[in-house]
Structure formats: C-alpha cells, structure tokens
C-alpha cells in the first residue's frame, strides 16, 4: 500500500476520498467512517520519513505520540482524536475533520489582519484550550499559527500534538529540538525543560502576529532568531496598528516575558485578561473596516506610487480621525512627531488669523515639523467635516528603504507645491491691498 496514493483505497475501516494536506512528517487525507457515517481526517506517516528512520520502532512511537497525548483530551477547542492504527506498514491516525477550515497562518500577514474583536476571540479560545491540556499534564511544545485551525464560525481547534509531552510521566523518546524556531521560548532555545509557560509564550508570539502582521523576533537565520528571542524587546504593537488598546500590549508583554516566572501561570489567567479586552473594543462611530480603508487610501494621490504591501502597512498603522468644522487639527507652536494625510474634506492652513493655504484630499500636513523636531509653524483647522489618517514618524522609520524614499519624495513635492501656492496667495493679497 502506497501512503502517497491512497485515494479510493481503504485504510482500516476508513474509505479514503482525497488528499487535503501534507507536512514534513505526514500526509493528511479526507476519509469517511462508514460505521458512524461521518467524515474524518486521516493523518498518515510520510513514507520518506519512515524509510529514513534508523529505528522503525522509534519512528512508530514518535508518530503515535499524538494519539497518546491528544487522544486523552476532550475539549471543543482541541481537535479530537478518534482512532489510530497500522495497516500494511502504513501508520495512521483518524481525527476530527474541520470542513472549510483555515489555519491562523493565513491571518498573520499585514494584508489579511482581522478585526480586533476576532483576534481577541481566537486568542481567548486558544488560551482556554491550552489551559485544559496543561491541567491534564500535556504540554504541546509546538504551538504556532499552522497548528491552530479556525472553523467558518471562528471556532478554534488546537491541533498537531505530535511532539507534545506529559511531564508527569516518563517520556521514553523525547523528540530532539521539538518546536518551530520562530515560536520557541527562551527556555527551549537554551535546551531547558518545557512547561505550560512554554506554550503560553508561543501563544503570545501568535498574538503579536495577529495584531500586527509582523513577527516579534524575525531574523535572517536561526542564530539571529534565537538571539532576538533571548535578548530583544519587540516593537510596541501600536507602532504597527494604531487602534490596538493598551491592555493588549500588556497581555502580549506578559505572555512573551523572557523569564517564565513573569509569564501567565495558566492559560486561564491569560484568557481572563483577554476577556477584559472586549470592554475596550466598543466600535466607535468613525471606525472603518480595513478593506474599506485600503480601497480609500489607494485612491489618494499621496499614495499613488506605493505598492499594495506598503499600503496595507499604512492602513494598519494609521489612526483614522474625524474633525468637525473649524476644529483645529494641529496648533501653531505645538511640538509633535505625527503627520496627517487628508482622506475627505478640506483643511485651512492659518498663520495667525490669516488663511494662507487650503489643503484637499490626498494632501499631507504636519510632516515638516515631524522631521525637523521644531514647533508647528502654522495652525491647521477643518473647513468642514474632515477625515484624516494620522501616522507617527516611527512608523516610517520601520518601513523598507524604498518606502521611506517614497515618503521623502512625497513630502518634498508637497513642500514645493505648498510654497508655490502660498507665494501665489500672498501675491494676490498684496495686489488686493495696493491703492
């Protein structure tokens, strides 16, 4: 029996329908259990890994580790294990099938960030699932976005307990270097024993990714990643996504603390803090969905030369504000490190009591004071209801070199255009005042 071509075959009592996934260790098929008349996912040990194993019995125990650890867990947010066996040399595990499911990996890029309410709901369920497993003595050790499934109704399913351990019992063959480098805790990097705090650290890393679309400890190689995990304090999440409430930063900081002593003691503790986030996420009257923000931003002439990936960074990092008629946006004499791009409406630039310039959608304001560090040289006030994007200078500093050059070119063009318009307006004023 060829494990790589099981479509239409029977494996144990299961009728294999089609292949639905593949990893380094296994191939996953969709199958049907004829006795219960339900669809199941069948995980089959990858034949290349079985053939390469120096000790087949060791490989067998490693593969069935998932059935032994996850099989004892019954929780709505953990993928259920139904059965396991060997037939004609093929190792297989039958487990819960999640139709139309997706992994969290699809939600960790800057183009695909989901609303904060959904992020909170996902992390809350994952924390509860880990708490349940930990209370039964199971440490997952490989918590990462690819191992967390999401149903169409946003229910979490924690999966892949292949390298999980039960510290309460003797582990005959602990997998070497268990876990994925990007999600390893400091103690894993240093080869120390793993604990429930190991899994909660990984969940904190996932939280950071779901909130920002960036990894807190990314590096060019394994050594660089491990160095950052051990020493680096990640960039605040608000630098990437302006509407993240401060309580979320505190949760992330606690989850990814370098020392396990300062992390959450249990998944239940983390879930409790996540429940508090909902109090901070009451939808404001001017909150705009990310997709709508993107479609509006890409029409503004200020961003005409920016590629889509950079536009998504801007959409996530920018804070959208609405000002009413005659309401000041920036005040002459203020010191600030932010700038604005007008989305809708018009803005008057005032020096003292005189309007010297009118800005319209696609124009920017406040950028010169941001770069120079000097006080604002003019007041900008809304002429009508105005929608703006407010961005910090630190956001630009973290973009690519090409993106920074685009910003600088836009600011320079804006300055030249503004000086020309101001000169023309002053010239017209002088003519009007002439006798």
Protein backbone atom coordinates (compact mmCIF):
# COMPACT_ATOMS: atom_id res chain seq x y z
CA UNK A 1 0.00 0.00 0.00
CA UNK A 2 1.48 3.34 -1.09
CA UNK A 3 0.87 6.04 1.57
CA UNK A 4 1.27 8.74 -1.08
CA UNK A 5 -1.58 7.43 -3.27
CA UNK A 6 -4.42 6.29 -1.03
CA UNK A 7 -7.34 7.99 -2.83
CA UNK A 8 -10.12 5.43 -3.33
CA UNK A 9 -8.47 2.88 -1.04
CA UNK A 10 -9.50 1.61 2.36
CA UNK A 11 -7.31 2.08 5.43
CA UNK A 12 -8.65 0.14 8.37
CA UNK A 13 -12.37 0.83 8.38
CA UNK A 14 -11.93 4.19 6.64
CA UNK A 15 -12.55 4.90 2.95
CA UNK A 16 -10.04 7.45 1.67
CA UNK A 17 -11.53 10.19 -0.51
CA UNK A 18 -8.82 12.75 -1.31
CA UNK A 19 -5.60 14.31 -0.09
CA UNK A 20 -6.15 17.58 1.83
CA UNK A 21 -2.72 18.41 3.25
CA UNK A 22 0.91 17.45 3.72
CA UNK A 23 3.71 18.28 6.13
CA UNK A 24 7.24 17.11 6.82
CA UNK A 25 6.10 14.20 8.96
CA UNK A 26 2.77 13.20 7.44
CA UNK A 27 0.17 13.32 4.67
CA UNK A 28 -3.44 14.13 5.53
CA UNK A 29 -6.43 12.68 3.70
CA UNK A 30 -10.17 13.22 3.90
CA UNK A 31 -11.91 9.92 4.60
CA UNK A 32 -15.27 8.56 5.69
CA UNK A 33 -16.04 6.36 8.66
CA UNK A 34 -18.77 4.02 7.31
CA UNK A 35 -19.87 2.82 10.74
CA UNK A 36 -20.70 6.27 12.10
CA UNK A 37 -21.20 7.83 8.64
CA UNK A 38 -19.02 10.86 9.23
CA UNK A 39 -16.04 12.46 7.56
CA UNK A 40 -12.69 12.26 9.31
CA UNK A 41 -9.17 13.46 8.64
CA UNK A 42 -6.63 10.66 8.33
CA UNK A 43 -3.01 11.52 9.10
CA UNK A 44 -0.58 9.06 7.53
CA UNK A 45 3.12 8.88 8.37
CA UNK A 46 5.17 10.20 5.45
CA UNK A 47 6.83 7.21 3.72
CA UNK A 48 10.11 9.07 3.23
CA UNK A 49 10.43 9.67 6.98
CA UNK A 50 9.56 6.06 7.78
CA UNK A 51 12.09 4.76 5.26
CA UNK A 52 14.82 7.07 6.60
CA UNK A 53 14.28 6.04 10.21
CA UNK A 54 17.22 4.07 11.61
CA UNK A 55 14.94 2.54 14.25
CA UNK A 56 11.40 1.88 12.91
CA UNK A 57 10.06 1.28 16.41
CA UNK A 58 11.29 4.73 17.49
CA UNK A 59 9.58 6.28 14.46
CA UNK A 60 6.40 4.40 15.30
CA UNK A 61 6.32 5.68 18.89
CA UNK A 62 7.03 9.23 17.77
CA UNK A 63 4.21 9.17 15.23
CA UNK A 64 1.68 7.76 17.66
CA UNK A 65 2.71 10.22 20.35
CA UNK A 66 -0.07 12.49 19.11
CA UNK A 67 -2.69 9.77 19.54
CA UNK A 68 -1.46 9.04 23.06
CA UNK A 69 -1.37 12.66 24.25
CA UNK A 70 -4.18 14.39 22.36
CA UNK A 71 -6.31 11.25 22.48
CA UNK A 72 -6.93 11.76 26.18
CA UNK A 73 -8.13 15.34 25.63
CA UNK A 74 -11.81 16.15 25.04
CA UNK A 75 -12.32 19.87 24.56
CA UNK A 76 -14.31 21.86 21.98
CA UNK A 77 -11.18 23.84 21.05
CA UNK A 78 -8.89 20.83 20.58
CA UNK A 79 -9.02 18.60 17.50
CA UNK A 80 -10.43 15.26 18.63
CA UNK A 81 -8.51 12.01 18.07
CA UNK A 82 -10.79 9.08 17.20
CA UNK A 83 -8.54 6.18 16.30
CA UNK A 84 -5.01 5.07 15.43
CA UNK A 85 -3.52 2.00 13.82
CA UNK A 86 -1.14 0.31 11.41
CA UNK A 87 -2.15 -1.48 8.22
CA UNK A 88 0.26 -2.98 5.67
CA UNK A 89 3.07 -0.95 7.22
CA UNK A 90 1.12 2.34 7.00
CA UNK A 91 0.86 4.28 10.26
CA UNK A 92 -2.32 6.34 10.55
CA UNK A 93 -4.31 8.46 12.99
CA UNK A 94 -8.01 9.25 12.47
CA UNK A 95 -9.08 12.64 13.81
CA UNK A 96 -11.76 15.30 13.67
CA UNK A 97 -12.20 16.89 10.24
CA UNK A 98 -12.79 20.64 10.12
CA UNK A 99 -14.63 21.39 6.84
CA UNK A 100 -13.72 24.68 5.16
CA UNK A 101 -11.23 25.30 7.93
CA UNK A 102 -8.20 27.53 7.67
CA UNK A 103 -5.14 27.96 9.82
CA UNK A 104 -4.14 31.10 11.68
CA UNK A 105 -1.14 31.28 9.37
CA UNK A 106 -3.47 32.86 6.80
CA UNK A 107 -4.24 35.70 9.22
CA UNK A 108 -0.71 36.75 10.18
CA UNK A 109 0.26 38.87 7.17
CA UNK A 110 -0.31 42.61 7.00
CA UNK A 111 -2.75 42.14 4.09
CA UNK A 112 -5.03 39.76 5.98
CA UNK A 113 -5.33 41.14 9.51
CA UNK A 114 -8.76 40.57 11.03
CA UNK A 115 -10.69 42.91 13.36
CA UNK A 116 -9.51 43.12 16.96
CA UNK A 117 -12.72 41.51 18.17
CA UNK A 118 -11.92 38.38 16.14
CA UNK A 119 -8.29 38.38 17.29
CA UNK A 120 -9.47 38.51 20.90
CA UNK A 121 -11.99 35.72 20.36
CA UNK A 122 -9.39 33.46 18.72
CA UNK A 123 -6.75 34.01 21.40
CA UNK A 124 -9.30 33.57 24.19
CA UNK A 125 -10.30 30.13 22.86
CA UNK A 126 -6.69 29.08 22.26
CA UNK A 127 -5.75 30.07 25.81
CA UNK A 128 -8.64 28.02 27.17
CA UNK A 129 -7.62 25.01 25.07
CA UNK A 130 -4.06 25.20 26.37
CA UNK A 131 -5.29 25.59 29.94
CA UNK A 132 -7.34 22.39 29.58
CA UNK A 133 -4.39 20.46 28.14
CA UNK A 134 -1.99 21.74 30.80
CA UNK A 135 -4.34 20.79 33.62
CA UNK A 136 -4.22 17.23 32.28
CA UNK A 137 -0.45 17.23 32.18
CA UNK A 138 0.04 17.78 28.43
CA UNK A 139 2.48 20.41 27.14
CA UNK A 140 2.05 20.96 23.38
CA UNK A 141 5.57 22.33 22.65
CA UNK A 142 4.77 23.30 19.05
CA UNK A 143 2.10 26.00 19.29
CA UNK A 144 2.22 28.02 16.05
CA UNK A 145 -0.31 29.50 13.60
CA UNK A 146 -0.20 26.46 11.32
CA UNK A 147 -1.25 24.22 14.21
CA UNK A 148 -4.33 26.24 15.10
CA UNK A 149 -7.34 25.69 12.88
CA UNK A 150 -10.22 28.11 12.55
CA UNK A 151 -13.70 26.99 11.54
CA UNK A 152 -16.01 29.12 9.35
CA UNK A 153 -17.77 30.18 12.57
CA UNK A 154 -14.44 31.34 14.11
CA UNK A 155 -14.12 28.39 16.48
CA UNK A 156 -10.54 27.46 17.34
CA UNK A 157 -9.21 23.91 17.02
CA UNK A 158 -5.76 23.37 18.50
CA UNK A 159 -4.10 20.53 16.58
CA UNK A 160 -0.88 18.57 15.97
CA UNK A 161 0.24 17.22 19.33
CA UNK A 162 2.99 15.21 17.62
CA UNK A 163 5.80 16.50 19.86
CA UNK A 164 3.67 17.04 22.96
CA UNK A 165 4.92 15.68 26.29
CA UNK A 166 3.44 14.74 29.63
CA UNK A 167 5.94 15.81 32.30
CA UNK A 168 4.04 13.73 34.86
CA UNK A 169 5.15 10.50 33.21
CA UNK A 170 8.43 9.17 31.88
CA UNK A 171 8.98 10.07 28.23
CA UNK A 172 10.96 7.28 26.59
CA UNK A 173 11.91 9.17 23.41
CA UNK A 174 11.60 12.95 23.71
CA UNK A 175 11.80 14.49 20.21
CA UNK A 176 15.04 16.37 19.63
CA UNK A 177 14.66 20.15 19.12
CA UNK A 178 10.89 19.91 19.38
CA UNK A 179 9.07 23.02 18.25
CA UNK A 180 9.45 25.60 15.49
CA UNK A 181 12.33 28.10 15.86
CA UNK A 182 10.13 31.17 15.37
CA UNK A 183 7.88 30.15 18.27
CA UNK A 184 10.38 28.70 20.71
CA UNK A 185 10.51 30.15 24.19
CA UNK A 186 13.83 31.22 25.75
CA UNK A 187 13.94 28.01 27.76
CA UNK A 188 13.51 25.92 24.60
CA UNK A 189 16.30 27.85 22.89
CA UNK A 190 18.55 27.13 25.89
CA UNK A 191 17.62 23.44 25.99
CA UNK A 192 15.85 23.68 29.34
CA UNK A 193 12.74 21.66 30.33
CA UNK A 194 9.45 22.84 28.88
CA UNK A 195 6.43 23.84 30.98
CA UNK A 196 2.95 25.26 30.32
CA UNK A 197 4.59 28.71 30.18
CA UNK A 198 6.45 27.47 27.08
CA UNK A 199 3.13 27.12 25.23
CA UNK A 200 1.85 30.46 26.52
CA UNK A 201 4.99 32.19 25.22
CA UNK A 202 4.24 30.80 21.74
CA UNK A 203 0.65 31.99 22.02
CA UNK A 204 1.96 35.45 22.90
CA UNK A 205 4.06 35.44 19.73
CA UNK A 206 0.96 34.46 17.73
CA UNK A 207 -0.99 37.28 19.40
CA UNK A 208 1.66 39.75 18.27
CA UNK A 209 1.44 38.45 14.69
CA UNK A 210 -2.37 38.53 14.60
CA UNK A 211 -2.32 42.11 15.86
CA UNK A 212 0.44 43.50 13.64
CA UNK A 213 1.20 41.20 10.70
CA UNK A 214 4.83 41.14 11.88
CA UNK A 215 6.85 38.63 13.88
CA UNK A 216 8.35 40.00 17.12
CA UNK A 217 11.59 38.03 16.72
CA UNK A 218 12.17 37.68 12.99
CA UNK A 219 15.73 37.14 11.81
CA UNK A 220 17.72 36.17 8.75
CA UNK A 221 18.90 32.87 10.22
CA UNK A 222 18.36 30.56 13.19
CA UNK A 223 21.14 32.11 15.25
CA UNK A 224 19.74 35.63 14.76
CA UNK A 225 16.22 34.47 15.69
CA UNK A 226 17.43 32.77 18.86
CA UNK A 227 19.44 35.84 19.85
CA UNK A 228 16.36 38.04 19.50
CA UNK A 229 14.19 35.62 21.48
CA UNK A 230 16.72 35.72 24.32
CA UNK A 231 17.50 39.46 24.31
CA UNK A 232 15.21 41.63 22.17
CA UNK A 233 12.22 43.61 23.36
CA UNK A 234 9.78 43.68 20.42
CA UNK A 235 8.49 46.89 18.85
CA UNK A 236 5.24 48.02 20.57
CA UNK A 237 2.19 46.68 18.72
CA UNK A 238 0.73 50.19 18.45
CA UNK A 239 3.61 51.15 16.15
CA UNK A 240 2.17 48.77 13.57
CA UNK A 241 -1.55 49.04 14.34
CA UNK A 242 -2.78 52.26 15.84
CA UNK A 243 -6.16 51.08 17.13
CA UNK A 244 -4.81 48.36 19.44
CA UNK A 245 -5.82 49.24 23.04
CA UNK A 246 -3.02 49.43 25.64
CA UNK A 247 -4.38 46.42 27.52
CA UNK A 248 -3.45 44.22 24.56
CA UNK A 249 0.16 45.41 24.78
CA UNK A 250 0.24 44.42 28.46
CA UNK A 251 -1.13 40.95 27.64
CA UNK A 252 1.45 40.39 24.91
CA UNK A 253 4.29 41.66 27.11
CA UNK A 254 3.33 39.28 29.90
CA UNK A 255 2.91 36.30 27.58
CA UNK A 256 6.34 36.73 25.95
CA UNK A 257 8.32 37.68 29.04
CA UNK A 258 11.87 36.33 28.83
CA UNK A 259 11.57 34.57 32.18
CA UNK A 260 8.79 32.04 32.66
CA UNK A 261 8.39 33.38 36.20
CA UNK A 262 6.89 36.60 34.83
CA UNK A 263 4.57 34.98 32.30
CA UNK A 264 0.99 33.90 32.84
CA UNK A 265 0.85 30.95 35.24
CA UNK A 266 -2.06 29.33 33.40
CA UNK A 267 -3.95 29.64 30.16
CA UNK A 268 -6.98 30.51 32.25
CA UNK A 269 -5.17 33.59 33.60
CA UNK A 270 -4.38 34.72 30.07
CA UNK A 271 -7.95 34.04 28.93
CA UNK A 272 -9.22 36.14 31.85
CA UNK A 273 -7.19 39.15 30.73
CA UNK A 274 -8.27 38.65 27.12
CA UNK A 275 -11.91 38.76 28.27
CA UNK A 276 -11.24 42.27 29.57
CA UNK A 277 -10.18 43.42 26.09
CA UNK A 278 -13.78 43.30 24.88
CA UNK A 279 -14.55 46.24 27.19
CA UNK A 280 -12.05 48.32 25.22
CA UNK A 281 -13.33 47.38 21.79
CA UNK A 282 -16.64 49.17 21.61
CA UNK A 283 -16.97 50.12 17.97
CA UNK A 284 -16.69 53.87 17.51
CA UNK A 285 -18.91 55.86 15.11
CA UNK A 286 -15.97 56.54 12.79
CA UNK A 287 -14.36 53.11 12.86
CA UNK A 288 -13.86 51.95 9.26
CA UNK A 289 -13.26 48.32 8.20
CA UNK A 290 -9.71 47.62 6.99
CA UNK A 291 -10.83 46.66 3.47
CA UNK A 292 -12.68 49.95 3.09
CA UNK A 293 -9.69 51.87 4.42
CA UNK A 294 -7.45 50.19 1.86
CA UNK A 295 -9.77 50.96 -1.04
CA UNK A 296 -9.95 54.62 0.00
CA UNK A 297 -6.22 55.01 0.64
CA UNK A 298 -5.21 53.60 -2.74
CA UNK A 299 -7.24 56.35 -4.50
CA UNK A 300 -5.38 59.19 -2.75
CA UNK A 301 -2.70 60.81 -4.88
CA UNK A 302 -0.30 60.90 -1.94
CA UNK A 303 -0.11 57.09 -2.03
CA UNK A 304 -0.28 56.67 -5.82
CA UNK A 305 3.25 55.24 -6.09
CA UNK A 306 3.06 52.91 -3.08
CA UNK A 307 2.76 49.13 -3.76
CA UNK A 308 -0.05 47.16 -2.10
CA UNK A 309 2.08 45.61 0.65
CA UNK A 310 3.21 49.04 1.86
CA UNK A 311 -0.34 50.38 1.62
CA UNK A 312 -1.51 47.64 3.97
CA UNK A 313 1.17 48.66 6.48
CA UNK A 314 -0.08 52.23 6.26
CA UNK A 315 -3.72 51.18 6.66
CA UNK A 316 -2.94 49.15 9.78
CA UNK A 317 -0.54 51.64 11.38
CA UNK A 318 -2.52 54.80 10.65
CA UNK A 319 -5.14 56.15 13.03
CA UNK A 320 -8.30 57.41 11.32
CA UNK A 321 -9.73 60.60 12.80
CA UNK A 322 -12.68 62.86 12.02
CA UNK A 323 -12.66 66.62 12.73
CA UNK A 324 -15.69 68.92 12.58
CA UNK A 325 -15.94 72.38 11.02
CA UNK A 326 -13.35 74.85 12.34
CA UNK A 327 -11.90 72.27 14.75
CA UNK A 328 -8.08 72.60 14.98
CA UNK A 329 -6.05 69.61 13.83
CA UNK A 330 -2.60 70.91 14.72
CA UNK A 331 -1.87 74.13 16.56
CA UNK A 332 0.84 76.65 15.82
CA UNK A 333 3.63 76.28 18.39
CA UNK A 334 2.94 72.61 19.21
CA UNK A 335 5.71 70.02 19.16
CA UNK A 336 4.57 66.71 17.71
CA UNK A 337 6.00 63.70 15.84
CA UNK A 338 2.96 62.87 13.74
CA UNK A 339 1.73 63.84 10.30
CA UNK A 340 -1.62 63.56 8.55
CA UNK A 341 -2.99 62.70 5.12
CA UNK A 342 -6.43 64.07 4.22
CA UNK A 343 -8.95 61.42 3.10
CA UNK A 344 -12.09 63.59 2.84
CA UNK A 345 -12.86 67.28 3.28
CA UNK A 346 -10.61 70.34 3.22
CA UNK A 347 -8.20 71.91 5.71
CA UNK A 348 -7.24 75.57 6.11
CA UNK A 349 -3.61 76.43 6.88
CA UNK A 350 -3.54 79.55 9.08
CA UNK A 351 -0.73 81.82 10.13
CA UNK A 352 -2.04 83.94 12.95
CA UNK A 353 -5.53 84.94 11.79
CA UNK A 354 -4.88 84.68 8.03
CA UNK A 355 -5.74 81.64 5.92
CA UNK A 356 -2.72 81.17 3.66
CA UNK A 357 -3.48 77.79 2.09
CA UNK A 358 -6.23 75.24 1.55
CA UNK A 359 -5.44 71.53 1.58
CA UNK A 360 -7.65 68.91 -0.04
CA UNK A 361 -7.95 65.07 -0.15
CA UNK A 362 -4.60 63.45 -0.89
CA UNK A 363 -2.61 66.31 0.67
CA UNK A 364 -0.46 65.86 3.76
CA UNK A 365 0.12 68.17 6.70
CA UNK A 366 2.44 68.34 9.69
CA UNK A 367 5.30 66.45 8.05
CA UNK A 368 7.92 69.22 8.21
CA UNK A 369 7.63 69.71 11.96
CA UNK A 370 7.73 65.93 12.40
CA UNK A 371 11.05 65.63 10.57
CA UNK A 372 12.68 68.78 11.94
CA UNK A 373 11.52 68.35 15.53
CA UNK A 374 10.64 72.04 15.63
CA UNK A 375 7.38 73.59 16.77
CA UNK A 376 4.47 73.73 14.36
CA UNK A 377 4.76 76.86 12.25
CA UNK A 378 1.04 77.15 11.42
CA UNK A 379 -2.39 76.08 12.59
CA UNK A 380 -4.38 73.60 10.51
CA UNK A 381 -8.15 73.61 11.01
CA UNK A 382 -11.02 71.71 9.39
CA UNK A 383 -13.06 73.80 6.94
CA UNK A 384 -15.82 71.18 7.02
CA UNK A 385 -16.07 67.61 8.31
CA UNK A 386 -12.64 66.18 7.56
CA UNK A 387 -11.38 62.58 7.68
CA UNK A 388 -7.62 62.15 8.10
CA UNK A 389 -5.05 59.42 8.61
CA UNK A 390 -2.65 60.23 11.44
CA UNK A 391 0.72 58.46 11.38
CA UNK A 392 3.79 58.51 13.61
CA UNK A 393 7.25 59.17 12.28
CA UNK A 394 8.43 55.94 13.91
CA UNK A 395 6.15 54.02 11.54
CA UNK A 396 8.04 55.37 8.55
CA UNK A 397 11.36 54.53 10.20
CA UNK A 398 10.35 50.86 10.27
CA UNK A 399 9.36 50.59 6.62
CA UNK A 400 11.63 49.43 3.81
CA UNK A 401 14.22 51.76 2.28
CA UNK A 402 12.15 52.11 -0.90
CA UNK A 403 9.07 53.01 1.14
CA UNK A 404 11.00 55.65 3.10
CA UNK A 405 12.26 57.15 -0.17
CA UNK A 406 8.69 57.34 -1.46
CA UNK A 407 7.61 59.20 1.68
CA UNK A 408 10.51 61.63 1.40
CA UNK A 409 9.76 62.32 -2.26
CA UNK A 410 6.09 62.94 -1.46
CA UNK A 411 6.97 65.30 1.38
CA UNK A 412 9.41 67.21 -0.82
CA UNK A 413 6.85 67.55 -3.61
CA UNK A 414 4.24 68.68 -1.08
CA UNK A 415 6.61 71.33 0.28
CA UNK A 416 7.39 72.69 -3.18
CA UNK A 417 3.72 72.78 -4.16
CA UNK A 418 2.79 74.43 -0.87
CA UNK A 419 5.40 77.15 -1.24
CA UNK A 420 4.21 77.89 -4.77
CA UNK A 421 0.57 78.14 -3.63
CA UNK A 422 1.46 80.28 -0.63
CA UNK A 423 3.51 82.63 -2.80
CA UNK A 424 0.63 82.99 -5.23
CA UNK A 425 -1.87 83.68 -2.44
CA UNK A 426 0.39 86.28 -0.83
CA UNK A 427 0.90 87.91 -4.21
CA UNK A 428 -2.86 88.13 -4.76
CA UNK A 429 -3.31 89.59 -1.26
CA UNK A 430 -0.66 92.24 -1.95
CA UNK A 431 -2.38 93.28 -5.18
CA UNK A 432 -5.73 93.49 -3.42
CA UNK A 433 -4.28 95.76 -0.72
CA UNK A 434 -2.46 98.03 -3.21
CA UNK A 435 -4.03 101.52 -3.68
